[in-house]
Amino acid sequence: MTMATIFSLASSFVLLGWILLVFLPTWKYSQAFILNGIILLLAVVYTILIIQGIGNFKPDSFSTLANVKVLFQDDTAVTAGWLHYLAFDLFVGAYIVRRSIAAGISRWLYTLVLPFCFMFGPIGYVLFIVVNTIKKKSLQAHD
């Protein structure tokens, strides 16, 4: 299977998790399917790609921007990196949903945060922290 095919399949497959987070966030199987299904499969494929390419890995590959640019000229490294992003962004999205539900944050509000997590991972997390902090302050003000 080519790296382009793996890239495309993974990019489509991960959408199942985001669909569950947006449309079925409280379904009792959503979190398990995302964490132990989608993310785990992405992690397994990522691991296989890393093991296959470990012979080309140099200990200083991440030591400078120039070295990282050289590393990511390889299709396998780019595909592995993409799987890394997909898995971790979805993991953070699932975390945001779990924590939002536990904190009593309204569904429409945390659902607005999810696209930012999907497209710009850390920005989605920052937005969640802001929303969660406002929610906590609001609860404290009412006490």
N, C-alpha and C. Protein backbone atom coordinates (compact mmCIF):
# COMPACT_ATOMS: atom_id res chain seq x y z
N MET A 1 0.85 -1.17 0.00
CA MET A 1 0.00 0.00 0.00
C MET A 1 0.90 1.24 0.00
N THR A 2 0.58 2.20 -0.82
CA THR A 2 1.41 3.41 -0.91
C THR A 2 1.13 4.34 0.27
N MET A 3 2.08 5.23 0.52
CA MET A 3 1.91 6.21 1.60
C MET A 3 0.73 7.13 1.29
N ALA A 4 0.53 7.44 0.01
CA ALA A 4 -0.60 8.30 -0.37
C ALA A 4 -1.93 7.62 -0.03
N THR A 5 -1.99 6.32 -0.24
CA THR A 5 -3.21 5.57 0.08
C THR A 5 -3.44 5.53 1.59
N ILE A 6 -2.39 5.26 2.35
CA ILE A 6 -2.50 5.24 3.81
C ILE A 6 -2.93 6.61 4.32
N PHE A 7 -2.33 7.66 3.77
CA PHE A 7 -2.67 9.03 4.14
C PHE A 7 -4.16 9.29 3.90
N SER A 8 -4.64 8.93 2.72
CA SER A 8 -6.05 9.16 2.37
C SER A 8 -7.01 8.34 3.22
N LEU A 9 -6.69 7.06 3.40
CA LEU A 9 -7.56 6.19 4.20
C LEU A 9 -7.63 6.68 5.65
N ALA A 10 -6.49 7.02 6.22
CA ALA A 10 -6.46 7.50 7.60
C ALA A 10 -7.24 8.81 7.74
N SER A 11 -7.08 9.70 6.77
CA SER A 11 -7.78 10.99 6.82
C SER A 11 -9.28 10.81 6.77
N SER A 12 -9.75 9.83 6.03
CA SER A 12 -11.18 9.54 5.96
C SER A 12 -11.65 8.79 7.21
N PHE A 13 -10.87 7.80 7.62
CA PHE A 13 -11.24 6.96 8.76
C PHE A 13 -11.40 7.77 10.04
N VAL A 14 -10.52 8.73 10.27
CA VAL A 14 -10.57 9.52 11.49
C VAL A 14 -11.85 10.34 11.58
N LEU A 15 -12.45 10.63 10.44
CA LEU A 15 -13.70 11.40 10.44
C LEU A 15 -14.81 10.69 11.21
N LEU A 16 -14.78 9.36 11.26
CA LEU A 16 -15.77 8.62 12.05
C LEU A 16 -15.74 9.06 13.50
N GLY A 17 -14.56 9.24 14.03
CA GLY A 17 -14.43 9.68 15.41
C GLY A 17 -14.99 11.07 15.63
N TRP A 18 -14.68 11.97 14.72
CA TRP A 18 -15.18 13.34 14.86
C TRP A 18 -16.70 13.38 14.70
N ILE A 19 -17.23 12.55 13.83
CA ILE A 19 -18.70 12.46 13.67
C ILE A 19 -19.34 11.99 14.97
N LEU A 20 -18.74 10.98 15.59
CA LEU A 20 -19.26 10.51 16.88
C LEU A 20 -19.20 11.61 17.94
N LEU A 21 -18.12 12.35 17.99
CA LEU A 21 -17.99 13.41 18.99
C LEU A 21 -19.02 14.52 18.79
N VAL A 22 -19.32 14.81 17.54
CA VAL A 22 -20.27 15.90 17.27
C VAL A 22 -21.72 15.43 17.39
N PHE A 23 -22.03 14.27 16.82
CA PHE A 23 -23.43 13.85 16.74
C PHE A 23 -23.88 12.85 17.80
N LEU A 24 -22.94 12.09 18.36
CA LEU A 24 -23.30 11.11 19.38
C LEU A 24 -22.34 11.18 20.58
N PRO A 25 -22.15 12.36 21.12
CA PRO A 25 -21.14 12.50 22.18
C PRO A 25 -21.48 11.73 23.46
N THR A 26 -22.74 11.51 23.73
CA THR A 26 -23.12 10.83 24.97
C THR A 26 -23.49 9.36 24.76
N TRP A 27 -23.38 8.86 23.54
CA TRP A 27 -23.64 7.44 23.29
C TRP A 27 -22.62 6.63 24.08
N LYS A 28 -23.07 5.60 24.75
CA LYS A 28 -22.19 4.88 25.68
C LYS A 28 -21.00 4.22 25.00
N TYR A 29 -21.03 4.03 23.70
CA TYR A 29 -19.92 3.39 23.00
C TYR A 29 -19.00 4.37 22.25
N SER A 30 -19.36 5.64 22.20
CA SER A 30 -18.56 6.61 21.43
C SER A 30 -17.11 6.69 21.90
N GLN A 31 -16.91 6.93 23.17
CA GLN A 31 -15.54 7.08 23.68
C GLN A 31 -14.74 5.80 23.49
N ALA A 32 -15.34 4.66 23.78
CA ALA A 32 -14.62 3.38 23.63
C ALA A 32 -14.25 3.13 22.17
N PHE A 33 -15.17 3.41 21.26
CA PHE A 33 -14.90 3.20 19.84
C PHE A 33 -13.79 4.14 19.36
N ILE A 34 -13.82 5.36 19.84
CA ILE A 34 -12.79 6.34 19.45
C ILE A 34 -11.43 5.96 20.03
N LEU A 35 -11.39 5.74 21.34
CA LEU A 35 -10.11 5.50 22.01
C LEU A 35 -9.53 4.12 21.72
N ASN A 36 -10.36 3.10 21.75
CA ASN A 36 -9.88 1.73 21.60
C ASN A 36 -10.06 1.17 20.20
N GLY A 37 -10.62 1.96 19.33
CA GLY A 37 -10.81 1.55 17.94
C GLY A 37 -10.03 2.45 17.00
N ILE A 38 -10.55 3.63 16.77
CA ILE A 38 -9.98 4.54 15.77
C ILE A 38 -8.56 4.96 16.15
N ILE A 39 -8.39 5.48 17.35
CA ILE A 39 -7.06 5.96 17.74
C ILE A 39 -6.08 4.80 17.84
N LEU A 40 -6.53 3.68 18.37
CA LEU A 40 -5.65 2.52 18.47
C LEU A 40 -5.20 2.03 17.09
N LEU A 41 -6.11 1.99 16.14
CA LEU A 41 -5.73 1.57 14.78
C LEU A 41 -4.73 2.56 14.17
N LEU A 42 -4.99 3.84 14.33
CA LEU A 42 -4.03 4.85 13.83
C LEU A 42 -2.67 4.66 14.50
N ALA A 43 -2.67 4.37 15.80
CA ALA A 43 -1.42 4.18 16.53
C ALA A 43 -0.67 2.94 16.05
N VAL A 44 -1.41 1.88 15.74
CA VAL A 44 -0.78 0.66 15.24
C VAL A 44 -0.13 0.90 13.87
N VAL A 45 -0.86 1.56 12.98
CA VAL A 45 -0.30 1.86 11.65
C VAL A 45 0.90 2.79 11.80
N TYR A 46 0.78 3.79 12.67
CA TYR A 46 1.90 4.70 12.95
C TYR A 46 3.12 3.90 13.41
N THR A 47 2.91 2.99 14.34
CA THR A 47 4.00 2.17 14.87
C THR A 47 4.67 1.36 13.77
N ILE A 48 3.86 0.77 12.91
CA ILE A 48 4.40 -0.01 11.79
C ILE A 48 5.26 0.88 10.88
N LEU A 49 4.76 2.07 10.57
CA LEU A 49 5.52 2.98 9.71
C LEU A 49 6.83 3.40 10.37
N ILE A 50 6.78 3.67 11.66
CA ILE A 50 8.00 4.06 12.37
C ILE A 50 9.01 2.91 12.38
N ILE A 51 8.54 1.71 12.66
CA ILE A 51 9.43 0.54 12.68
C ILE A 51 10.04 0.31 11.30
N GLN A 52 9.23 0.45 10.26
CA GLN A 52 9.75 0.27 8.90
C GLN A 52 10.81 1.31 8.55
N GLY A 53 10.64 2.53 9.04
CA GLY A 53 11.55 3.60 8.67
C GLY A 53 12.65 3.88 9.68
N ILE A 54 12.71 3.08 10.75
CA ILE A 54 13.65 3.38 11.82
C ILE A 54 15.10 3.31 11.35
N GLY A 55 15.37 2.53 10.31
CA GLY A 55 16.73 2.44 9.78
C GLY A 55 17.24 3.75 9.22
N ASN A 56 16.34 4.61 8.76
CA ASN A 56 16.71 5.92 8.20
C ASN A 56 16.76 7.01 9.27
N PHE A 57 16.33 6.67 10.48
CA PHE A 57 16.25 7.67 11.55
C PHE A 57 17.63 7.95 12.12
N LYS A 58 17.91 9.22 12.30
CA LYS A 58 19.16 9.65 12.92
C LYS A 58 18.83 10.26 14.29
N PRO A 59 19.66 10.01 15.28
CA PRO A 59 19.36 10.52 16.62
C PRO A 59 19.14 12.04 16.68
N ASP A 60 19.73 12.78 15.76
CA ASP A 60 19.56 14.23 15.80
C ASP A 60 18.47 14.73 14.84
N SER A 61 17.60 13.83 14.38
CA SER A 61 16.57 14.19 13.41
C SER A 61 15.66 15.32 13.89
N PHE A 62 15.46 15.44 15.18
CA PHE A 62 14.57 16.47 15.71
C PHE A 62 15.32 17.60 16.40
N SER A 63 16.64 17.65 16.23
CA SER A 63 17.45 18.61 16.98
C SER A 63 17.43 20.02 16.41
N THR A 64 17.15 20.15 15.13
CA THR A 64 17.09 21.48 14.51
C THR A 64 15.96 21.52 13.50
N LEU A 65 15.53 22.70 13.17
CA LEU A 65 14.50 22.86 12.15
C LEU A 65 14.97 22.28 10.82
N ALA A 66 16.20 22.51 10.47
CA ALA A 66 16.76 21.98 9.21
C ALA A 66 16.70 20.46 9.18
N ASN A 67 17.03 19.81 10.30
CA ASN A 67 16.99 18.35 10.35
C ASN A 67 15.56 17.82 10.24
N VAL A 68 14.61 18.50 10.86
CA VAL A 68 13.21 18.09 10.76
C VAL A 68 12.73 18.23 9.32
N LYS A 69 13.13 19.30 8.65
CA LYS A 69 12.75 19.49 7.25
C LYS A 69 13.30 18.36 6.38
N VAL A 70 14.52 17.93 6.65
CA VAL A 70 15.10 16.81 5.91
C VAL A 70 14.32 15.53 6.19
N LEU A 71 14.00 15.30 7.46
CA LEU A 71 13.26 14.11 7.86
C LEU A 71 11.92 14.03 7.12
N PHE A 72 11.23 15.15 7.03
CA PHE A 72 9.91 15.16 6.42
C PHE A 72 9.92 15.30 4.90
N GLN A 73 11.04 15.07 4.28
CA GLN A 73 11.08 14.95 2.83
C GLN A 73 10.75 13.53 2.40
N ASP A 74 10.70 12.62 3.36
CA ASP A 74 10.39 11.22 3.11
C ASP A 74 8.89 10.99 3.28
N ASP A 75 8.25 10.35 2.29
CA ASP A 75 6.80 10.13 2.34
C ASP A 75 6.37 9.31 3.55
N THR A 76 7.17 8.33 3.93
CA THR A 76 6.81 7.52 5.10
C THR A 76 6.82 8.36 6.36
N ALA A 77 7.82 9.21 6.51
CA ALA A 77 7.90 10.08 7.70
C ALA A 77 6.74 11.07 7.73
N VAL A 78 6.40 11.63 6.57
CA VAL A 78 5.28 12.57 6.52
C VAL A 78 3.97 11.87 6.85
N THR A 79 3.78 10.67 6.31
CA THR A 79 2.56 9.92 6.59
C THR A 79 2.48 9.55 8.06
N ALA A 80 3.59 9.10 8.63
CA ALA A 80 3.62 8.78 10.06
C ALA A 80 3.31 10.04 10.87
N GLY A 81 3.90 11.15 10.50
CA GLY A 81 3.62 12.41 11.18
C GLY A 81 2.16 12.79 11.10
N TRP A 82 1.55 12.57 9.95
CA TRP A 82 0.13 12.88 9.77
C TRP A 82 -0.73 11.99 10.67
N LEU A 83 -0.40 10.71 10.73
CA LEU A 83 -1.14 9.80 11.61
C LEU A 83 -1.01 10.24 13.07
N HIS A 84 0.17 10.72 13.42
CA HIS A 84 0.42 11.23 14.76
C HIS A 84 -0.54 12.39 15.06
N TYR A 85 -0.63 13.33 14.13
CA TYR A 85 -1.56 14.46 14.29
C TYR A 85 -3.00 13.98 14.39
N LEU A 86 -3.41 13.11 13.49
CA LEU A 86 -4.79 12.64 13.49
C LEU A 86 -5.15 11.97 14.81
N ALA A 87 -4.27 11.10 15.28
CA ALA A 87 -4.54 10.36 16.52
C ALA A 87 -4.59 11.30 17.72
N PHE A 88 -3.62 12.18 17.83
CA PHE A 88 -3.59 13.04 19.01
C PHE A 88 -4.66 14.12 19.00
N ASP A 89 -4.97 14.66 17.84
CA ASP A 89 -6.05 15.64 17.79
C ASP A 89 -7.38 15.00 18.16
N LEU A 90 -7.62 13.77 17.68
CA LEU A 90 -8.86 13.07 18.04
C LEU A 90 -8.86 12.72 19.52
N PHE A 91 -7.71 12.33 20.05
CA PHE A 91 -7.61 12.05 21.48
C PHE A 91 -7.98 13.28 22.30
N VAL A 92 -7.46 14.42 21.91
CA VAL A 92 -7.78 15.67 22.61
C VAL A 92 -9.25 16.02 22.44
N GLY A 93 -9.79 15.80 21.24
CA GLY A 93 -11.22 16.04 21.02
C GLY A 93 -12.08 15.18 21.93
N ALA A 94 -11.74 13.91 22.06
CA ALA A 94 -12.48 13.01 22.95
C ALA A 94 -12.36 13.46 24.40
N TYR A 95 -11.18 13.92 24.77
CA TYR A 95 -10.96 14.45 26.12
C TYR A 95 -11.84 15.68 26.36
N ILE A 96 -11.87 16.57 25.39
CA ILE A 96 -12.69 17.78 25.52
C ILE A 96 -14.16 17.41 25.73
N VAL A 97 -14.65 16.45 24.98
CA VAL A 97 -16.05 16.05 25.14
C VAL A 97 -16.28 15.45 26.53
N ARG A 98 -15.40 14.53 26.95
CA ARG A 98 -15.56 13.91 28.28
C ARG A 98 -15.55 14.97 29.38
N ARG A 99 -14.58 15.85 29.33
CA ARG A 99 -14.45 16.87 30.39
C ARG A 99 -15.59 17.87 30.32
N SER A 100 -16.05 18.20 29.12
CA SER A 100 -17.16 19.14 28.98
C SER A 100 -18.44 18.56 29.57
N ILE A 101 -18.70 17.31 29.27
CA ILE A 101 -19.89 16.65 29.81
C ILE A 101 -19.80 16.62 31.33
N ALA A 102 -18.64 16.25 31.86
CA ALA A 102 -18.45 16.18 33.32
C ALA A 102 -18.62 17.55 33.97
N ALA A 103 -18.21 18.60 33.27
CA ALA A 103 -18.28 19.96 33.82
C ALA A 103 -19.64 20.62 33.60
N GLY A 104 -20.50 19.96 32.84
CA GLY A 104 -21.82 20.53 32.57
C GLY A 104 -21.79 21.64 31.53
N ILE A 105 -20.78 21.64 30.68
CA ILE A 105 -20.71 22.62 29.60
C ILE A 105 -21.73 22.21 28.54
N SER A 106 -22.47 23.16 28.03
CA SER A 106 -23.52 22.83 27.08
C SER A 106 -22.94 22.20 25.80
N ARG A 107 -23.72 21.29 25.26
CA ARG A 107 -23.28 20.54 24.08
C ARG A 107 -22.96 21.48 22.92
N TRP A 108 -23.79 22.47 22.67
CA TRP A 108 -23.54 23.35 21.53
C TRP A 108 -22.23 24.09 21.71
N LEU A 109 -21.86 24.42 22.95
CA LEU A 109 -20.63 25.17 23.19
C LEU A 109 -19.40 24.31 22.95
N TYR A 110 -19.37 23.10 23.51
CA TYR A 110 -18.18 22.27 23.27
C TYR A 110 -18.14 21.76 21.84
N THR A 111 -19.29 21.65 21.20
CA THR A 111 -19.30 21.25 19.78
C THR A 111 -18.68 22.34 18.91
N LEU A 112 -18.83 23.60 19.31
CA LEU A 112 -18.19 24.70 18.58
C LEU A 112 -16.67 24.67 18.72
N VAL A 113 -16.18 24.11 19.80
CA VAL A 113 -14.73 24.02 20.02
C VAL A 113 -14.11 22.90 19.17
N LEU A 114 -14.87 21.83 18.92
CA LEU A 114 -14.32 20.65 18.25
C LEU A 114 -13.71 20.92 16.87
N PRO A 115 -14.32 21.74 16.00
CA PRO A 115 -13.66 21.98 14.71
C PRO A 115 -12.27 22.61 14.84
N PHE A 116 -12.09 23.43 15.87
CA PHE A 116 -10.77 24.02 16.10
C PHE A 116 -9.77 22.95 16.53
N CYS A 117 -10.24 22.00 17.31
CA CYS A 117 -9.39 20.89 17.72
C CYS A 117 -9.07 20.00 16.51
N PHE A 118 -10.05 19.77 15.68
CA PHE A 118 -9.87 18.95 14.48
C PHE A 118 -8.86 19.56 13.51
N MET A 119 -8.98 20.85 13.29
CA MET A 119 -8.13 21.51 12.30
C MET A 119 -6.83 22.08 12.88
N PHE A 120 -6.87 22.52 14.13
CA PHE A 120 -5.73 23.21 14.73
C PHE A 120 -5.51 22.73 16.16
N GLY A 121 -5.48 21.44 16.38
CA GLY A 121 -5.40 20.78 17.68
C GLY A 121 -5.20 21.64 18.91
N PRO A 122 -4.05 22.23 19.10
CA PRO A 122 -3.80 22.99 20.32
C PRO A 122 -4.73 24.20 20.50
N ILE A 123 -5.16 24.80 19.41
CA ILE A 123 -6.09 25.94 19.54
C ILE A 123 -7.42 25.46 20.11
N GLY A 124 -7.88 24.30 19.68
CA GLY A 124 -9.10 23.73 20.23
C GLY A 124 -8.97 23.48 21.72
N TYR A 125 -7.81 23.00 22.13
CA TYR A 125 -7.58 22.75 23.55
C TYR A 125 -7.58 24.07 24.33
N VAL A 126 -6.93 25.09 23.80
CA VAL A 126 -6.92 26.40 24.46
C VAL A 126 -8.35 26.93 24.60
N LEU A 127 -9.14 26.81 23.54
CA LEU A 127 -10.54 27.27 23.60
C LEU A 127 -11.32 26.50 24.66
N PHE A 128 -11.08 25.19 24.74
CA PHE A 128 -11.76 24.39 25.76
C PHE A 128 -11.38 24.89 27.16
N ILE A 129 -10.11 25.17 27.38
CA ILE A 129 -9.67 25.66 28.70
C ILE A 129 -10.35 26.98 29.02
N VAL A 130 -10.46 27.86 28.03
CA VAL A 130 -11.14 29.14 28.24
C VAL A 130 -12.61 28.90 28.60
N VAL A 131 -13.30 28.07 27.82
CA VAL A 131 -14.71 27.78 28.09
C VAL A 131 -14.87 27.14 29.46
N ASN A 132 -14.02 26.19 29.78
CA ASN A 132 -14.10 25.49 31.07
C ASN A 132 -13.84 26.45 32.23
N THR A 133 -12.89 27.35 32.06
CA THR A 133 -12.59 28.33 33.10
C THR A 133 -13.78 29.28 33.31
N ILE A 134 -14.37 29.73 32.23
CA ILE A 134 -15.55 30.61 32.33
C ILE A 134 -16.68 29.87 33.03
N LYS A 135 -16.88 28.60 32.68
CA LYS A 135 -17.93 27.80 33.31
C LYS A 135 -17.69 27.69 34.81
N LYS A 136 -16.44 27.41 35.22
CA LYS A 136 -16.12 27.29 36.64
C LYS A 136 -16.34 28.61 37.37
N LYS A 137 -15.92 29.73 36.74
CA LYS A 137 -16.10 31.05 37.35
C LYS A 137 -17.59 31.36 37.50
N SER A 138 -18.37 30.98 36.49
CA SER A 138 -19.80 31.20 36.53
C SER A 138 -20.45 30.42 37.67
N LEU A 139 -20.02 29.19 37.86
CA LEU A 139 -20.56 28.37 38.96
C LEU A 139 -20.16 28.94 40.32
N GLN A 140 -18.92 29.44 40.40
CA GLN A 140 -18.46 30.03 41.66
C GLN A 140 -19.23 31.30 41.98
N ALA A 141 -19.57 32.07 40.95
CA ALA A 141 -20.31 33.32 41.14
C ALA A 141 -21.72 33.05 41.66
N HIS A 142 -22.27 31.90 41.30
CA HIS A 142 -23.63 31.56 41.72
C HIS A 142 -23.69 30.93 43.11
N ASP A 143 -22.53 30.60 43.66
CA ASP A 143 -22.50 29.97 45.00
C ASP A 143 -22.58 30.98 46.11
